C-alpha atoms as a PDB file:
ATOM      1  CA  UNK A   1       0.000   0.000   0.000  1.00  0.00           C
ATOM      2  CA  UNK A   2       1.304   3.459  -0.907  1.00  0.00           C
ATOM      3  CA  UNK A   3       1.902   5.281   2.369  1.00  0.00           C
ATOM      4  CA  UNK A   4       2.555   8.830   1.059  1.00  0.00           C
ATOM      5  CA  UNK A   5       5.332   9.295   3.628  1.00  0.00           C
ATOM      6  CA  UNK A   6       7.614  10.574   0.870  1.00  0.00           C
ATOM      7  CA  UNK A   7       5.418  13.626   0.258  1.00  0.00           C
ATOM      8  CA  UNK A   8       5.401  14.871   3.867  1.00  0.00           C
ATOM      9  CA  UNK A   9       7.329  18.188   3.768  1.00  0.00           C
ATOM     10  CA  UNK A  10       9.971  18.989   6.363  1.00  0.00           C
ATOM     11  CA  UNK A  11       7.925  21.991   7.490  1.00  0.00           C
ATOM     12  CA  UNK A  12       4.604  20.142   7.695  1.00  0.00           C
ATOM     13  CA  UNK A  13       4.020  21.574  11.182  1.00  0.00           C
ATOM     14  CA  UNK A  14       3.695  25.017   9.589  1.00  0.00           C
ATOM     15  CA  UNK A  15       0.517  23.910   7.816  1.00  0.00           C
ATOM     16  CA  UNK A  16      -1.174  23.187  11.150  1.00  0.00           C
ATOM     17  CA  UNK A  17      -0.212  26.649  12.375  1.00  0.00           C
ATOM     18  CA  UNK A  18      -1.455  28.201   9.134  1.00  0.00           C
ATOM     19  CA  UNK A  19      -4.860  26.547   9.591  1.00  0.00           C
ATOM     20  CA  UNK A  20      -5.198  28.035  13.080  1.00  0.00           C
ATOM     21  CA  UNK A  21      -4.151  31.491  11.844  1.00  0.00           C
ATOM     22  CA  UNK A  22      -6.678  31.345   8.994  1.00  0.00           C
ATOM     23  CA  UNK A  23      -9.401  30.166  11.391  1.00  0.00           C
ATOM     24  CA  UNK A  24      -8.704  33.036  13.819  1.00  0.00           C
ATOM     25  CA  UNK A  25      -9.086  35.479  10.947  1.00  0.00           C
ATOM     26  CA  UNK A  26     -12.404  33.954   9.880  1.00  0.00           C
ATOM     27  CA  UNK A  27     -13.691  33.418  13.444  1.00  0.00           C
ATOM     28  CA  UNK A  28     -17.271  32.138  13.558  1.00  0.00           C
ATOM     29  CA  UNK A  29     -17.601  32.326   9.764  1.00  0.00           C
ATOM     30  CA  UNK A  30     -14.992  29.610   9.291  1.00  0.00           C
ATOM     31  CA  UNK A  31     -15.412  25.838   9.352  1.00  0.00           C
ATOM     32  CA  UNK A  32     -12.670  23.253   9.927  1.00  0.00           C
ATOM     33  CA  UNK A  33     -13.590  19.752   8.736  1.00  0.00           C
ATOM     34  CA  UNK A  34     -12.154  16.534  10.158  1.00  0.00           C
ATOM     35  CA  UNK A  35     -12.681  12.957   9.085  1.00  0.00           C
ATOM     36  CA  UNK A  36     -12.516  10.466  11.974  1.00  0.00           C
ATOM     37  CA  UNK A  37     -11.120   7.048  11.044  1.00  0.00           C
ATOM     38  CA  UNK A  38      -7.363   7.127  10.382  1.00  0.00           C
ATOM     39  CA  UNK A  39      -7.507  10.923  10.641  1.00  0.00           C
ATOM     40  CA  UNK A  40      -8.348  11.640  14.294  1.00  0.00           C
ATOM     41  CA  UNK A  41      -8.776   8.019  15.383  1.00  0.00           C
ATOM     42  CA  UNK A  42      -6.357   5.089  15.127  1.00  0.00           C
ATOM     43  CA  UNK A  43      -8.507   1.993  14.495  1.00  0.00           C
ATOM     44  CA  UNK A  44      -5.801  -0.624  15.054  1.00  0.00           C
ATOM     45  CA  UNK A  45      -6.899  -1.501  18.628  1.00  0.00           C
ATOM     46  CA  UNK A  46     -10.394  -2.200  17.270  1.00  0.00           C
ATOM     47  CA  UNK A  47      -8.944  -4.356  14.504  1.00  0.00           C
ATOM     48  CA  UNK A  48      -6.761  -6.265  16.976  1.00  0.00           C
ATOM     49  CA  UNK A  49      -9.715  -6.971  19.272  1.00  0.00           C
ATOM     50  CA  UNK A  50     -11.648  -8.497  16.378  1.00  0.00           C
ATOM     51  CA  UNK A  51      -8.673 -10.653  15.399  1.00  0.00           C
ATOM     52  CA  UNK A  52      -8.332 -11.917  18.991  1.00  0.00           C
ATOM     53  CA  UNK A  53     -12.007 -12.860  19.089  1.00  0.00           C
ATOM     54  CA  UNK A  54     -11.724 -14.575  15.714  1.00  0.00           C
ATOM     55  CA  UNK A  55      -8.720 -16.479  17.004  1.00  0.00           C
ATOM     56  CA  UNK A  56     -10.715 -17.698  19.995  1.00  0.00           C
ATOM     57  CA  UNK A  57     -13.608 -18.890  17.838  1.00  0.00           C
ATOM     58  CA  UNK A  58     -11.222 -20.735  15.505  1.00  0.00           C
ATOM     59  CA  UNK A  59      -8.951 -22.123  18.209  1.00  0.00           C
ATOM     60  CA  UNK A  60      -5.953 -20.283  16.737  1.00  0.00           C
ATOM     61  CA  UNK A  61      -3.806 -19.351  19.717  1.00  0.00           C
ATOM     62  CA  UNK A  62      -1.405 -17.075  17.769  1.00  0.00           C
ATOM     63  CA  UNK A  63      -4.304 -14.807  16.763  1.00  0.00           C
ATOM     64  CA  UNK A  64      -5.442 -14.522  20.379  1.00  0.00           C
ATOM     65  CA  UNK A  65      -2.258 -12.551  21.053  1.00  0.00           C
ATOM     66  CA  UNK A  66      -2.986  -9.909  18.393  1.00  0.00           C
ATOM     67  CA  UNK A  67      -2.220  -6.295  19.337  1.00  0.00           C
ATOM     68  CA  UNK A  68      -2.388  -2.979  17.492  1.00  0.00           C
ATOM     69  CA  UNK A  69       1.310  -3.067  16.609  1.00  0.00           C
ATOM     70  CA  UNK A  70       0.781  -6.217  14.518  1.00  0.00           C
ATOM     71  CA  UNK A  71      -1.050  -4.101  11.906  1.00  0.00           C
ATOM     72  CA  UNK A  72       1.719  -2.752   9.714  1.00  0.00           C
ATOM     73  CA  UNK A  73       0.162  -2.901   6.229  1.00  0.00           C
ATOM     74  CA  UNK A  74      -2.866  -0.662   6.410  1.00  0.00           C
ATOM     75  CA  UNK A  75      -6.196  -2.363   5.854  1.00  0.00           C
ATOM     76  CA  UNK A  76      -4.835  -5.761   4.786  1.00  0.00           C
ATOM     77  CA  UNK A  77      -5.284  -8.249   7.601  1.00  0.00           C
ATOM     78  CA  UNK A  78      -3.238 -11.223   6.443  1.00  0.00           C
ATOM     79  CA  UNK A  79       0.104  -9.502   7.243  1.00  0.00           C
ATOM     80  CA  UNK A  80      -1.194  -9.023  10.804  1.00  0.00           C
ATOM     81  CA  UNK A  81      -2.016 -12.733  10.982  1.00  0.00           C
ATOM     82  CA  UNK A  82       1.545 -13.485   9.884  1.00  0.00           C
ATOM     83  CA  UNK A  83       2.939 -11.026  12.428  1.00  0.00           C
ATOM     84  CA  UNK A  84       1.001 -12.956  15.083  1.00  0.00           C
ATOM     85  CA  UNK A  85       2.635 -16.236  14.065  1.00  0.00           C
ATOM     86  CA  UNK A  86       0.638 -17.839  11.229  1.00  0.00           C
ATOM     87  CA  UNK A  87       2.224 -18.831   7.937  1.00  0.00           C
ATOM     88  CA  UNK A  88       1.418 -16.720   4.895  1.00  0.00           C
ATOM     89  CA  UNK A  89      -0.612 -19.566   3.389  1.00  0.00           C
ATOM     90  CA  UNK A  90      -2.609 -19.999   6.607  1.00  0.00           C
ATOM     91  CA  UNK A  91      -3.186 -16.250   6.851  1.00  0.00           C
ATOM     92  CA  UNK A  92      -4.387 -15.821   3.278  1.00  0.00           C
ATOM     93  CA  UNK A  93      -6.564 -18.918   3.580  1.00  0.00           C
ATOM     94  CA  UNK A  94      -8.489 -17.296   6.449  1.00  0.00           C
ATOM     95  CA  UNK A  95      -9.086 -13.923   4.784  1.00  0.00           C
ATOM     96  CA  UNK A  96     -12.525 -14.636   3.324  1.00  0.00           C
ATOM     97  CA  UNK A  97     -13.924 -16.108   6.540  1.00  0.00           C
ATOM     98  CA  UNK A  98     -12.405 -13.346   8.628  1.00  0.00           C
ATOM     99  CA  UNK A  99     -13.884 -10.636   6.428  1.00  0.00           C
ATOM    100  CA  UNK A 100     -17.418 -11.801   7.290  1.00  0.00           C
ATOM    101  CA  UNK A 101     -16.546 -12.014  10.985  1.00  0.00           C
ATOM    102  CA  UNK A 102     -14.973  -8.550  10.832  1.00  0.00           C
ATOM    103  CA  UNK A 103     -17.879  -6.992   8.926  1.00  0.00           C
ATOM    104  CA  UNK A 104     -20.365  -7.974  11.638  1.00  0.00           C
ATOM    105  CA  UNK A 105     -18.308  -6.172  14.294  1.00  0.00           C
ATOM    106  CA  UNK A 106     -16.148  -3.371  12.930  1.00  0.00           C
ATOM    107  CA  UNK A 107     -18.982  -0.983  12.029  1.00  0.00           C
ATOM    108  CA  UNK A 108     -20.654  -1.009  15.447  1.00  0.00           C
ATOM    109  CA  UNK A 109     -20.721   1.212  18.512  1.00  0.00           C
ATOM    110  CA  UNK A 110     -19.633  -1.683  20.717  1.00  0.00           C
ATOM    111  CA  UNK A 111     -16.316  -1.997  18.889  1.00  0.00           C
ATOM    112  CA  UNK A 112     -15.477   1.550  17.821  1.00  0.00           C
ATOM    113  CA  UNK A 113     -15.059   2.516  21.482  1.00  0.00           C
ATOM    114  CA  UNK A 114     -11.693   0.725  21.340  1.00  0.00           C
ATOM    115  CA  UNK A 115     -10.191   3.310  18.979  1.00  0.00           C
ATOM    116  CA  UNK A 116      -7.416   5.583  20.237  1.00  0.00           C
ATOM    117  CA  UNK A 117      -6.515   9.099  19.201  1.00  0.00           C
ATOM    118  CA  UNK A 118      -3.969   9.898  16.506  1.00  0.00           C
ATOM    119  CA  UNK A 119      -0.972  11.534  18.177  1.00  0.00           C
ATOM    120  CA  UNK A 120      -1.671  15.169  19.009  1.00  0.00           C
ATOM    121  CA  UNK A 121      -5.245  15.143  17.694  1.00  0.00           C
ATOM    122  CA  UNK A 122      -7.111  16.123  20.900  1.00  0.00           C
ATOM    123  CA  UNK A 123      -4.918  19.125  21.617  1.00  0.00           C
ATOM    124  CA  UNK A 124      -5.039  20.312  18.024  1.00  0.00           C
ATOM    125  CA  UNK A 125      -8.811  20.013  17.590  1.00  0.00           C
ATOM    126  CA  UNK A 126      -9.333  21.891  20.869  1.00  0.00           C
ATOM    127  CA  UNK A 127      -7.021  24.599  19.489  1.00  0.00           C
ATOM    128  CA  UNK A 128      -9.244  24.748  16.404  1.00  0.00           C
ATOM    129  CA  UNK A 129     -12.351  25.216  18.556  1.00  0.00           C
ATOM    130  CA  UNK A 130     -10.560  27.969  20.517  1.00  0.00           C
ATOM    131  CA  UNK A 131     -10.140  30.020  17.323  1.00  0.00           C
ATOM    132  CA  UNK A 132     -13.883  30.631  17.262  1.00  0.00           C
ATOM    133  CA  UNK A 133     -14.379  28.617  14.083  1.00  0.00           C
ATOM    134  CA  UNK A 134     -16.869  25.792  13.815  1.00  0.00           C
ATOM    135  CA  UNK A 135     -15.525  22.235  13.795  1.00  0.00           C
ATOM    136  CA  UNK A 136     -17.314  19.634  11.677  1.00  0.00           C
ATOM    137  CA  UNK A 137     -16.607  15.931  12.047  1.00  0.00           C
ATOM    138  CA  UNK A 138     -17.671  14.446   8.698  1.00  0.00           C
ATOM    139  CA  UNK A 139     -17.359  10.668   8.738  1.00  0.00           C
ATOM    140  CA  UNK A 140     -18.355   7.642   6.714  1.00  0.00           C
ATOM    141  CA  UNK A 141     -19.525   5.980   9.940  1.00  0.00           C
ATOM    142  CA  UNK A 142     -23.262   5.395  10.019  1.00  0.00           C
ATOM    143  CA  UNK A 143     -25.726   6.822  12.553  1.00  0.00           C
ATOM    144  CA  UNK A 144     -25.981   3.532  14.444  1.00  0.00           C
ATOM    145  CA  UNK A 145     -22.370   4.153  15.544  1.00  0.00           C
ATOM    146  CA  UNK A 146     -23.089   7.595  17.028  1.00  0.00           C
ATOM    147  CA  UNK A 147     -23.214   6.484  20.665  1.00  0.00           C
ATOM    148  CA  UNK A 148     -19.914   4.608  20.503  1.00  0.00           C
ATOM    149  CA  UNK A 149     -18.328   7.410  18.509  1.00  0.00           C
ATOM    150  CA  UNK A 150     -19.284  10.068  21.050  1.00  0.00           C
ATOM    151  CA  UNK A 151     -18.068   7.851  23.899  1.00  0.00           C
ATOM    152  CA  UNK A 152     -14.757   7.397  22.110  1.00  0.00           C
ATOM    153  CA  UNK A 153     -14.426  11.137  21.450  1.00  0.00           C
ATOM    154  CA  UNK A 154     -14.908  11.702  25.179  1.00  0.00           C
ATOM    155  CA  UNK A 155     -12.461   8.973  26.216  1.00  0.00           C
ATOM    156  CA  UNK A 156      -9.801  10.324  23.855  1.00  0.00           C
ATOM    157  CA  UNK A 157     -10.286  13.906  25.047  1.00  0.00           C
ATOM    158  CA  UNK A 158     -11.549  15.234  21.711  1.00  0.00           C
ATOM    159  CA  UNK A 159     -14.198  17.988  21.585  1.00  0.00           C
ATOM    160  CA  UNK A 160     -17.706  16.589  21.804  1.00  0.00           C
ATOM    161  CA  UNK A 161     -20.437  17.413  19.264  1.00  0.00           C
ATOM    162  CA  UNK A 162     -22.205  20.337  20.893  1.00  0.00           C
ATOM    163  CA  UNK A 163     -22.367  24.058  20.262  1.00  0.00           C
ATOM    164  CA  UNK A 164     -19.889  24.907  17.497  1.00  0.00           C
ATOM    165  CA  UNK A 165     -18.852  21.266  17.074  1.00  0.00           C
ATOM    166  CA  UNK A 166     -21.017  19.005  14.908  1.00  0.00           C
ATOM    167  CA  UNK A 167     -20.856  15.317  13.999  1.00  0.00           C
ATOM    168  CA  UNK A 168     -22.264  14.376  10.590  1.00  0.00           C
ATOM    169  CA  UNK A 169     -22.694  10.658   9.868  1.00  0.00           C
ATOM    170  CA  UNK A 170     -24.160   8.522   7.092  1.00  0.00           C
ATOM    171  CA  UNK A 171     -27.794   7.477   7.590  1.00  0.00           C
ATOM    172  CA  UNK A 172     -26.932   3.819   6.902  1.00  0.00           C
ATOM    173  CA  UNK A 173     -23.868   1.635   6.475  1.00  0.00           C
ATOM    174  CA  UNK A 174     -24.862   0.801   2.898  1.00  0.00           C
ATOM    175  CA  UNK A 175     -24.662   4.409   1.700  1.00  0.00           C
ATOM    176  CA  UNK A 176     -21.575   5.169  -0.386  1.00  0.00           C
ATOM    177  CA  UNK A 177     -18.915   7.095   1.550  1.00  0.00           C
ATOM    178  CA  UNK A 178     -17.772   9.149  -1.429  1.00  0.00           C
ATOM    179  CA  UNK A 179     -21.230  10.268  -2.491  1.00  0.00           C
ATOM    180  CA  UNK A 180     -22.234  10.987   1.106  1.00  0.00           C
ATOM    181  CA  UNK A 181     -19.265  13.259   1.757  1.00  0.00           C
ATOM    182  CA  UNK A 182     -19.725  15.099  -1.536  1.00  0.00           C
ATOM    183  CA  UNK A 183     -23.365  15.740  -0.661  1.00  0.00           C
ATOM    184  CA  UNK A 184     -22.340  17.134   2.736  1.00  0.00           C
ATOM    185  CA  UNK A 185     -20.034  19.682   1.066  1.00  0.00           C
ATOM    186  CA  UNK A 186     -22.972  21.915   0.147  1.00  0.00           C
ATOM    187  CA  UNK A 187     -23.996  22.363   3.793  1.00  0.00           C
ATOM    188  CA  UNK A 188     -20.561  23.043   5.284  1.00  0.00           C
ATOM    189  CA  UNK A 189     -20.310  26.747   4.600  1.00  0.00           C
ATOM    190  CA  UNK A 190     -16.996  28.659   4.526  1.00  0.00           C
ATOM    191  CA  UNK A 191     -14.420  25.854   4.820  1.00  0.00           C
ATOM    192  CA  UNK A 192     -11.090  27.086   6.151  1.00  0.00           C
ATOM    193  CA  UNK A 193      -9.445  23.653   6.174  1.00  0.00           C
ATOM    194  CA  UNK A 194     -10.297  19.989   5.705  1.00  0.00           C
ATOM    195  CA  UNK A 195      -8.418  16.946   7.052  1.00  0.00           C
ATOM    196  CA  UNK A 196      -8.843  13.423   5.639  1.00  0.00           C
ATOM    197  CA  UNK A 197      -6.736  10.278   5.204  1.00  0.00           C
ATOM    198  CA  UNK A 198      -8.450   9.111   2.014  1.00  0.00           C
ATOM    199  CA  UNK A 199      -6.824  10.600  -1.106  1.00  0.00           C
ATOM    200  CA  UNK A 200     -10.141  10.576  -2.970  1.00  0.00           C
ATOM    201  CA  UNK A 201     -11.839  12.578  -0.219  1.00  0.00           C
ATOM    202  CA  UNK A 202      -8.950  15.012   0.173  1.00  0.00           C
ATOM    203  CA  UNK A 203      -9.025  15.605  -3.577  1.00  0.00           C
ATOM    204  CA  UNK A 204     -12.786  16.207  -3.436  1.00  0.00           C
ATOM    205  CA  UNK A 205     -12.291  18.866  -0.746  1.00  0.00           C
ATOM    206  CA  UNK A 206      -9.550  20.513  -2.809  1.00  0.00           C
ATOM    207  CA  UNK A 207     -11.831  20.700  -5.859  1.00  0.00           C
ATOM    208  CA  UNK A 208     -14.944  21.860  -3.994  1.00  0.00           C
ATOM    209  CA  UNK A 209     -13.175  24.415  -1.766  1.00  0.00           C
ATOM    210  CA  UNK A 210     -10.303  25.937  -3.784  1.00  0.00           C
ATOM    211  CA  UNK A 211      -9.517  28.510  -1.084  1.00  0.00           C
ATOM    212  CA  UNK A 212      -9.357  25.965   1.746  1.00  0.00           C
ATOM    213  CA  UNK A 213      -6.216  24.421   3.196  1.00  0.00           C
ATOM    214  CA  UNK A 214      -6.590  20.692   2.532  1.00  0.00           C
ATOM    215  CA  UNK A 215      -4.516  18.337   4.674  1.00  0.00           C
ATOM    216  CA  UNK A 216      -3.975  14.636   4.072  1.00  0.00           C
ATOM    217  CA  UNK A 217      -3.161  12.295   6.965  1.00  0.00           C
ATOM    218  CA  UNK A 218      -0.480   9.891   5.748  1.00  0.00           C
ATOM    219  CA  UNK A 219      -1.751   7.037   7.933  1.00  0.00           C
ATOM    220  CA  UNK A 220      -3.622   4.378   5.952  1.00  0.00           C
ATOM    221  CA  UNK A 221      -6.288   4.373   3.280  1.00  0.00           C
ATOM    222  CA  UNK A 222      -8.419   2.082   1.115  1.00  0.00           C
ATOM    223  CA  UNK A 223      -6.029   2.052  -1.870  1.00  0.00           C
ATOM    224  CA  UNK A 224      -8.748   3.332  -4.228  1.00  0.00           C
ATOM    225  CA  UNK A 225      -6.973   6.486  -5.419  1.00  0.00           C
ATOM    226  CA  UNK A 226      -3.223   6.861  -5.246  1.00  0.00           C
ATOM    227  CA  UNK A 227      -2.587  10.450  -6.256  1.00  0.00           C
ATOM    228  CA  UNK A 228      -3.166  13.742  -4.476  1.00  0.00           C
ATOM    229  CA  UNK A 229      -3.749  17.259  -5.732  1.00  0.00           C
ATOM    230  CA  UNK A 230      -0.321  18.956  -5.582  1.00  0.00           C
ATOM    231  CA  UNK A 231      -1.572  21.680  -3.255  1.00  0.00           C
ATOM    232  CA  UNK A 232      -2.648  19.162  -0.605  1.00  0.00           C
ATOM    233  CA  UNK A 233      -0.157  18.825   2.266  1.00  0.00           C
ATOM    234  CA  UNK A 234       0.426  15.397   3.803  1.00  0.00           C
ATOM    235  CA  UNK A 235       1.194  15.165   7.538  1.00  0.00           C
ATOM    236  CA  UNK A 236       1.997  12.175   9.788  1.00  0.00           C
ATOM    237  CA  UNK A 237      -0.009  13.267  12.861  1.00  0.00           C
ATOM    238  CA  UNK A 238      -0.973  16.398  14.824  1.00  0.00           C
ATOM    239  CA  UNK A 239       1.828  16.696  17.366  1.00  0.00           C
ATOM    240  CA  UNK A 240       3.591  20.062  17.057  1.00  0.00           C
END
């Protein structure tokens, strides 16, 4: 999987400062948009929990030891199985069965509470709120995950959706993420900056809001689009 680490500029921290300066200038007129998964949240603990449970159901002791650090290849799970101690053939042979097991759990409130914050995210998002701008969490998670998402925001110390902070989610899991986010663009208002890990979504923000600062989180992604608009800045996390 392309990790985009090679396009992170040496002065990437300056982009985070520039967003805050622009937001202070716009005050309540401005909106700062954040995706959640792999942007503000690290999902690997959730993934590892599901692997451990799968291991228990299959009687595969190596998988019962799975931890977040075993996920080193983005969304692909078989390398994590190998990192836990299975052979590559064993790991790839379990992929189809695991995908069904994973799909019944990953997109639920009960499991998303295991997510942790991306480094520096809570402090930075609070700094965004302090500028006077509105903060919009725009996520491909569906409404049935709202309770777990809000609990995880609270546990991680991120601003909760109230007042000038809003959380916009898909009505259902089946709705297309790309189309949903594009539809939300029209209701966002004066976007100062947008943060997303998915290249396709970052590119959409860059096209729809040419004056906005668009920031790409070089964490992981779905491998569906492997190029970024040249004006988009990639960053590794939010710690400054």
